[in-house]
Protein backbone atom coordinates (compact mmCIF):
# COMPACT_ATOMS: atom_id res chain seq x y z
CA UNK A 1 15.51 -4.61 -4.40
CA UNK A 2 13.98 -4.22 -7.84
CA UNK A 3 14.67 -7.04 -10.29
CA UNK A 4 13.88 -6.43 -13.96
CA UNK A 5 13.80 -10.19 -14.51
CA UNK A 6 13.71 -13.28 -12.31
CA UNK A 7 17.32 -14.40 -12.57
CA UNK A 8 18.48 -16.64 -9.74
CA UNK A 9 22.03 -17.91 -9.22
CA UNK A 10 21.24 -21.56 -8.55
CA UNK A 11 20.88 -23.51 -11.79
CA UNK A 12 18.44 -26.04 -10.39
CA UNK A 13 16.00 -23.28 -9.47
CA UNK A 14 15.12 -22.38 -13.08
CA UNK A 15 13.28 -25.58 -14.11
CA UNK A 16 11.70 -25.77 -10.66
CA UNK A 17 10.48 -22.18 -10.97
CA UNK A 18 9.05 -22.85 -14.44
CA UNK A 19 7.19 -25.86 -13.05
CA UNK A 20 5.98 -23.75 -10.13
CA UNK A 21 4.69 -21.03 -12.46
CA UNK A 22 2.96 -23.62 -14.61
CA UNK A 23 1.24 -25.01 -11.52
CA UNK A 24 0.21 -21.51 -10.44
CA UNK A 25 -1.15 -20.81 -13.92
CA UNK A 26 -3.20 -23.98 -13.84
CA UNK A 27 -4.80 -23.11 -10.53
CA UNK A 28 -5.32 -19.45 -11.40
CA UNK A 29 -7.29 -20.40 -14.49
CA UNK A 30 -9.28 -23.21 -12.91
CA UNK A 31 -10.24 -21.83 -9.52
CA UNK A 32 -13.65 -20.21 -9.34
CA UNK A 33 -14.76 -18.94 -5.96
CA UNK A 34 -18.33 -18.00 -5.24
CA UNK A 35 -19.25 -15.72 -2.36
CA UNK A 36 -22.18 -16.60 -0.18
CA UNK A 37 -25.48 -15.10 -1.31
CA UNK A 38 -25.33 -11.31 -1.21
CA UNK A 39 -22.45 -10.90 1.25
CA UNK A 40 -21.69 -7.33 2.31
CA UNK A 41 -18.26 -5.82 1.67
CA UNK A 42 -16.77 -2.38 2.29
CA UNK A 43 -14.77 -0.40 -0.28
CA UNK A 44 -11.26 0.14 1.14
CA UNK A 45 -9.88 2.78 -1.26
CA UNK A 46 -10.94 6.35 -2.00
CA UNK A 47 -12.33 5.53 -5.43
CA UNK A 48 -12.92 2.09 -6.98
CA UNK A 49 -13.83 1.65 -10.64
CA UNK A 50 -16.77 -0.55 -11.65
CA UNK A 51 -16.20 -2.39 -14.93
CA UNK A 52 -18.51 -4.26 -17.25
CA UNK A 53 -16.41 -7.44 -17.02
CA UNK A 54 -13.89 -9.11 -14.68
CA UNK A 55 -10.70 -7.64 -16.18
CA UNK A 56 -8.87 -4.33 -16.60
CA UNK A 57 -9.68 -4.24 -20.33
CA UNK A 58 -13.45 -4.02 -19.75
CA UNK A 59 -15.01 -0.52 -19.97
CA UNK A 60 -15.49 1.49 -16.78
CA UNK A 61 -19.21 1.91 -16.06
CA UNK A 62 -19.03 3.78 -12.75
CA UNK A 63 -17.15 4.10 -9.48
CA UNK A 64 -17.61 3.55 -5.74
CA UNK A 65 -16.33 5.86 -3.01
CA UNK A 66 -14.41 4.72 0.08
CA UNK A 67 -16.44 2.97 2.83
CA UNK A 68 -19.37 2.30 0.50
CA UNK A 69 -21.00 -1.00 1.47
CA UNK A 70 -21.80 -3.22 -1.51
CA UNK A 71 -23.43 -6.60 -2.01
CA UNK A 72 -21.19 -9.27 -3.58
CA UNK A 73 -22.66 -12.43 -5.09
CA UNK A 74 -19.61 -13.81 -6.89
CA UNK A 75 -15.82 -13.60 -6.72
CA UNK A 76 -13.88 -14.78 -9.75
CA UNK A 77 -10.15 -14.58 -10.55
CA UNK A 78 -9.59 -11.63 -8.20
CA UNK A 79 -12.73 -9.78 -9.33
CA UNK A 80 -15.99 -9.34 -7.42
CA UNK A 81 -19.44 -8.94 -8.96
CA UNK A 82 -21.13 -6.14 -7.01
CA UNK A 83 -24.60 -4.71 -6.74
CA UNK A 84 -25.02 -1.22 -5.29
CA UNK A 85 -27.89 1.23 -5.66
CA UNK A 86 -29.16 -0.64 -8.70
CA UNK A 87 -25.75 -0.65 -10.40
CA UNK A 88 -24.10 -3.96 -11.22
CA UNK A 89 -20.58 -4.67 -12.42
CA UNK A 90 -17.13 -5.97 -11.53
CA UNK A 91 -14.52 -4.47 -9.20
CA UNK A 92 -11.04 -5.61 -8.14
CA UNK A 93 -11.75 -7.73 -5.04
CA UNK A 94 -8.45 -6.83 -3.34
CA UNK A 95 -9.99 -3.46 -2.43
CA UNK A 96 -13.05 -4.95 -0.70
CA UNK A 97 -13.27 -5.99 2.97
CA UNK A 98 -16.01 -7.94 4.72
CA UNK A 99 -18.18 -5.70 6.87
CA UNK A 100 -18.72 -8.45 9.50
CA UNK A 101 -22.12 -6.94 10.21
CA UNK A 102 -20.66 -3.54 11.16
CA UNK A 103 -22.15 -0.42 9.60
CA UNK A 104 -19.25 1.40 8.02
CA UNK A 105 -20.89 3.81 5.62
CA UNK A 106 -20.12 6.76 7.93
CA UNK A 107 -17.13 5.70 10.05
CA UNK A 108 -15.70 7.86 12.80
CA UNK A 109 -11.96 8.46 12.74
CA UNK A 110 -9.77 8.72 15.82
CA UNK A 111 -6.11 9.67 15.91
CA UNK A 112 -3.38 8.26 18.14
CA UNK A 113 -2.49 11.05 20.59
CA UNK A 114 0.60 9.48 22.22
CA UNK A 115 3.99 8.39 20.92
CA UNK A 116 2.88 4.75 20.65
CA UNK A 117 -0.13 2.70 21.73
CA UNK A 118 -0.90 -1.01 21.94
CA UNK A 119 -3.86 -2.51 20.12
CA UNK A 120 -5.38 -5.46 21.96
CA UNK A 121 -7.63 -8.39 21.17
CA UNK A 122 -10.35 -7.15 23.57
CA UNK A 123 -11.51 -4.08 25.53
CA UNK A 124 -9.15 -4.22 28.53
CA UNK A 125 -5.46 -4.30 29.41
CA UNK A 126 -5.88 -8.00 30.28
CA UNK A 127 -6.31 -8.91 26.62
CA UNK A 128 -3.42 -9.89 24.36
CA UNK A 129 -1.47 -7.26 22.45
CA UNK A 130 -2.04 -7.86 18.72
CA UNK A 131 -0.40 -4.75 17.30
CA UNK A 132 0.58 -1.15 17.83
CA UNK A 133 -0.03 2.26 16.39
CA UNK A 134 1.88 5.51 16.57
CA UNK A 135 1.47 9.24 17.00
CA UNK A 136 -0.65 10.76 14.24
CA UNK A 137 -2.00 7.45 12.94
CA UNK A 138 -5.66 7.65 11.93
CA UNK A 139 -7.82 4.67 12.97
CA UNK A 140 -11.37 3.83 12.00
CA UNK A 141 -13.57 3.54 15.10
CA UNK A 142 -16.25 0.88 14.55
CA UNK A 143 -17.53 0.26 18.10
CA UNK A 144 -16.88 1.15 21.72
CA UNK A 145 -17.22 -0.49 25.12
CA UNK A 146 -16.69 1.62 28.21
CA UNK A 147 -13.46 3.56 27.72
CA UNK A 148 -12.22 1.29 24.92
CA UNK A 149 -12.66 1.72 21.16
CA UNK A 150 -12.83 -1.08 18.62
CA UNK A 151 -10.82 0.12 15.63
CA UNK A 152 -9.74 -0.97 12.17
CA UNK A 153 -6.14 -0.23 11.23
CA UNK A 154 -3.85 -1.01 8.31
CA UNK A 155 -6.93 -1.31 6.13
CA UNK A 156 -8.15 -4.68 7.39
CA UNK A 157 -6.98 -5.51 10.94
CA UNK A 158 -9.43 -5.09 13.83
CA UNK A 159 -8.63 -4.68 17.53
CA UNK A 160 -9.20 -2.55 20.63
CA UNK A 161 -7.41 0.60 21.82
CA UNK A 162 -7.80 2.56 25.07
CA UNK A 163 -9.90 5.67 24.48
CA UNK A 164 -7.58 7.82 26.56
CA UNK A 165 -4.76 7.20 24.06
CA UNK A 166 -6.59 8.72 21.08
CA UNK A 167 -8.26 11.97 20.11
CA UNK A 168 -11.18 12.55 17.79
CA UNK A 169 -9.96 13.02 14.26
CA UNK A 170 -11.39 15.55 11.86
CA UNK A 171 -11.17 16.48 8.21
CA UNK A 172 -9.15 19.67 7.78
CA UNK A 173 -10.64 22.44 5.64
CA UNK A 174 -9.92 22.00 1.94
CA UNK A 175 -7.46 24.90 2.07
CA UNK A 176 -5.26 22.70 4.27
CA UNK A 177 -5.37 19.77 1.84
CA UNK A 178 -2.52 20.50 -0.59
CA UNK A 179 -3.03 17.21 -2.46
CA UNK A 180 -6.80 17.46 -2.88
CA UNK A 181 -7.62 16.18 -6.37
CA UNK A 182 -4.26 14.42 -6.80
CA UNK A 183 -4.42 10.67 -7.50
CA UNK A 184 -1.41 8.62 -6.39
CA UNK A 185 -0.78 4.92 -7.03
CA UNK A 186 1.47 3.39 -4.36
CA UNK A 187 3.21 0.16 -5.30
CA UNK A 188 4.57 -2.09 -2.55
CA UNK A 189 7.35 -4.00 -4.31
CA UNK A 190 7.33 -7.81 -4.63
CA UNK A 191 4.80 -9.97 -2.72
CA UNK A 192 3.45 -13.51 -2.65
CA UNK A 193 5.99 -16.06 -3.93
CA UNK A 194 8.31 -13.19 -4.91
CA UNK A 195 10.08 -12.25 -1.63
CA UNK A 196 12.41 -9.63 -3.12
CA UNK A 197 15.75 -9.07 -1.39
CA UNK A 198 16.50 -11.04 1.78
CA UNK A 199 18.00 -9.20 4.75
CA UNK A 200 20.85 -10.23 7.02
CA UNK A 201 18.30 -11.53 9.53
CA UNK A 202 16.20 -13.34 6.92
CA UNK A 203 13.72 -10.48 6.50
CA UNK A 204 11.94 -10.64 3.13
CA UNK A 205 11.81 -7.31 1.31
CA UNK A 206 8.12 -7.82 0.49
CA UNK A 207 7.17 -7.26 4.16
CA UNK A 208 8.75 -3.84 4.87
CA UNK A 209 7.67 -2.60 1.43
CA UNK A 210 4.04 -3.28 2.35
CA UNK A 211 4.34 -1.85 5.87
CA UNK A 212 6.04 1.30 4.60
CA UNK A 213 3.61 1.77 1.72
CA UNK A 214 0.61 1.62 4.06
CA UNK A 215 2.16 4.31 6.26
CA UNK A 216 2.88 6.48 3.21
CA UNK A 217 -0.75 6.07 2.15
CA UNK A 218 -1.89 7.47 5.51
CA UNK A 219 0.26 10.57 5.11
CA UNK A 220 -0.85 11.22 1.54
CA UNK A 221 -4.53 10.78 2.42
CA UNK A 222 -4.21 13.20 5.31
CA UNK A 223 -2.87 15.71 2.78
CA UNK A 224 -5.99 15.17 0.65
CA UNK A 225 -4.68 12.77 -2.01
CA UNK A 226 -6.66 9.88 -3.39
CA UNK A 227 -4.44 6.81 -2.93
CA UNK A 228 -4.72 3.51 -4.78
CA UNK A 229 -2.44 0.67 -3.66
CA UNK A 230 -1.40 -2.00 -6.13
CA UNK A 231 -1.47 -4.50 -3.26
CA UNK A 232 -2.67 -4.27 0.34
CA UNK A 233 -1.71 -7.78 1.39
CA UNK A 234 0.99 -10.37 0.68
CA UNK A 235 0.13 -11.34 -2.90
CA UNK A 236 2.03 -11.62 -6.17
CA UNK A 237 1.60 -9.08 -8.95
CA UNK A 238 3.42 -9.06 -12.27
CA UNK A 239 5.20 -5.91 -13.43
CA UNK A 240 2.55 -5.41 -16.09
CA UNK A 241 -0.23 -5.80 -13.50
CA UNK A 242 1.27 -2.88 -11.56
CA UNK A 243 1.42 -0.71 -14.68
CA UNK A 244 -2.10 -1.70 -15.72
CA UNK A 245 -3.53 -0.69 -12.33
CA UNK A 246 -1.91 2.73 -12.76
CA UNK A 247 -3.30 3.18 -16.25
CA UNK A 248 -6.79 2.12 -15.12
CA UNK A 249 -7.16 5.40 -13.22
CA UNK A 250 -6.49 9.04 -13.95
CA UNK A 251 -3.19 8.75 -12.10
CA UNK A 252 -1.03 11.78 -11.36
CA UNK A 253 1.89 9.92 -9.76
CA UNK A 254 3.12 6.34 -9.44
CA UNK A 255 5.52 5.54 -6.58
CA UNK A 256 7.07 2.07 -6.22
CA UNK A 257 8.61 1.22 -2.83
CA UNK A 258 11.65 -1.09 -2.55
CA UNK A 259 14.62 -1.91 -0.35
CA UNK A 260 18.06 -2.71 -1.69
CA UNK A 261 20.65 -5.46 -1.25
CA UNK A 262 24.31 -5.87 -2.24
CA UNK A 263 27.12 -8.40 -1.94
CA UNK A 264 29.25 -5.96 0.05
CA UNK A 265 28.30 -5.25 3.69
CA UNK A 266 29.22 -1.59 3.23
CA UNK A 267 26.57 -0.58 0.71
CA UNK A 268 24.09 1.81 2.29
CA UNK A 269 21.68 4.62 1.64
CA UNK A 270 18.53 5.63 -0.24
CA UNK A 271 18.03 6.54 -3.89
CA UNK A 272 15.19 7.63 -6.18
CA UNK A 273 14.91 6.36 -9.77
CA UNK A 274 13.09 7.82 -12.77
CA UNK A 275 12.79 6.99 -16.48
CA UNK A 276 10.78 9.80 -18.08
CA UNK A 277 11.92 13.42 -17.83
CA UNK A 278 8.79 14.41 -15.89
CA UNK A 279 9.56 11.65 -13.40
CA UNK A 280 12.97 13.16 -12.68
CA UNK A 281 11.39 16.24 -11.10
CA UNK A 282 9.20 14.11 -8.83
CA UNK A 283 12.17 11.88 -7.91
CA UNK A 284 14.24 14.97 -7.10
CA UNK A 285 11.52 16.43 -4.85
CA UNK A 286 11.14 13.15 -2.95
CA UNK A 287 14.87 12.46 -2.65
CA UNK A 288 15.48 15.96 -1.26
CA UNK A 289 12.91 15.39 1.47
CA UNK A 290 14.27 11.92 2.26
CA UNK A 291 17.77 13.35 2.64
CA UNK A 292 16.43 15.99 5.04
CA UNK A 293 14.17 13.80 7.18
CA UNK A 294 15.66 10.28 7.18
CA UNK A 295 19.10 9.65 8.75
CA UNK A 296 20.43 7.33 6.03
CA UNK A 297 23.04 7.98 3.35
CA UNK A 298 21.77 10.04 0.41
CA UNK A 299 22.53 8.07 -2.77
CA UNK A 300 20.81 10.64 -4.95
CA UNK A 301 18.53 10.63 -7.97
CA UNK A 302 19.31 8.12 -10.72
CA UNK A 303 18.00 7.04 -14.12
CA UNK A 304 16.41 3.58 -13.98
CA UNK A 305 15.38 1.51 -16.99
CA UNK A 306 12.77 -0.50 -15.06
CA UNK A 307 9.54 -1.85 -16.54
CA UNK A 308 7.28 -0.15 -13.99
CA UNK A 309 8.89 3.19 -14.90
CA UNK A 310 9.53 2.75 -18.62
CA UNK A 311 6.03 1.48 -19.48
CA UNK A 312 4.25 3.75 -17.04
CA UNK A 313 3.02 7.34 -16.86
CA UNK A 314 5.54 10.20 -16.84
CA UNK A 315 5.40 10.94 -13.11
CA UNK A 316 6.63 7.48 -12.10
CA UNK A 317 9.40 6.88 -9.58
CA UNK A 318 10.95 3.87 -7.88
CA UNK A 319 12.47 4.37 -4.43
CA UNK A 320 15.17 2.20 -2.85
CA UNK A 321 14.85 3.08 0.84
CA UNK A 322 17.92 1.43 2.32
CA UNK A 323 19.95 -1.79 2.22
CA UNK A 324 18.64 -4.92 3.94
CA UNK A 325 22.14 -6.37 3.48
CA UNK A 326 23.81 -3.72 5.67
CA UNK A 327 23.42 -3.96 9.44
CA UNK A 328 23.13 -0.20 10.08
CA UNK A 329 20.48 0.33 7.39
CA UNK A 330 18.60 -2.80 8.44
CA UNK A 331 18.33 -1.62 12.07
CA UNK A 332 16.93 1.70 10.89
CA UNK A 333 14.49 0.12 8.43
CA UNK A 334 12.95 -2.06 11.15
CA UNK A 335 12.24 0.88 13.46
CA UNK A 336 8.83 2.56 13.53
CA UNK A 337 10.51 5.96 13.71
CA UNK A 338 12.13 5.26 10.34
CA UNK A 339 8.80 4.29 8.74
CA UNK A 340 7.16 7.49 10.00
CA UNK A 341 10.05 9.65 8.77
CA UNK A 342 10.01 8.03 5.32
CA UNK A 343 6.24 8.48 5.02
CA UNK A 344 6.38 12.15 5.97
CA UNK A 345 9.32 12.77 3.63
CA UNK A 346 7.64 11.17 0.62
CA UNK A 347 4.39 13.01 1.35
CA UNK A 348 6.30 16.31 1.53
CA UNK A 349 8.02 15.53 -1.77
CA UNK A 350 4.70 14.84 -3.50
CA UNK A 351 3.24 18.04 -2.02
CA UNK A 352 6.19 20.04 -3.36
CA UNK A 353 5.65 18.50 -6.79
CA UNK A 354 1.93 19.18 -7.11
CA UNK A 355 1.31 22.30 -5.03
CA UNK A 356 3.57 24.60 -7.08
């Protein structure tokens, strides 16, 4: 659920929250973390801007492509000082991942070739299950042992998958990449100490927004888009932070992912919000695909006076993808089939918007 401000019903919460924010501010301005000497990190997005200083206001001096390995000698306030090919500068550290000694400059991609597959802690069926992946998911292969592949999935998690459950992935010819050259910022709503709406079973909205956004990113990238995520882990971002990330790139579309909540147990369905006229067309394209591919109530396209839409680029939309407060919607939202359908629908909507 998208909240334009941080109103909370309980009166005692307001002074406590102010104190909490003050404490957070103190630590955020006083913590200074230094990386070990020249640690290696991998770029986890398609294109990452290098800036002259550790903030979004500093001029852009260059960029790094996905899977580039860089040397980091300092991390400060969410920014990393990098050195690559003689170029030095600052990049947003949330998009860097430790290489752990693995060469990732030319990773091999494999694709899940069955309906679902377990990912395990080691290269055999005797090892613990630590996750799962689903048909069509693209995984980064970083090592192999016998018939097992060590893979990275969801951007940062590492585990093992049976080789007979995947097929070699490939890059389709550019003619089959309808979103080639299109830059999309995906915004997983809420995060960190902002949980968002709370479901009937105690599920925090911030978790399914992140899971769903990562799956959407996979679909868009397979269609050729360059995808930047405002957050790829459970961390807090202000509304202005999300807008600033969008405006730091040549962004063609901004899509914010949310789930709804209501006092009545009968509220259900999905809706797409826009603020600018150009955003209405994108919202309409996405909502049409959602109504066709996802078996939830179609609540239509609506005007929304939200900060991340109002202060953002024209092609900005905010999607409410079901009600956590309604048992039928909640069951659907927690299924992997739902996440896959939503991702494919949103990708199709973006393709319809930018391929015409």
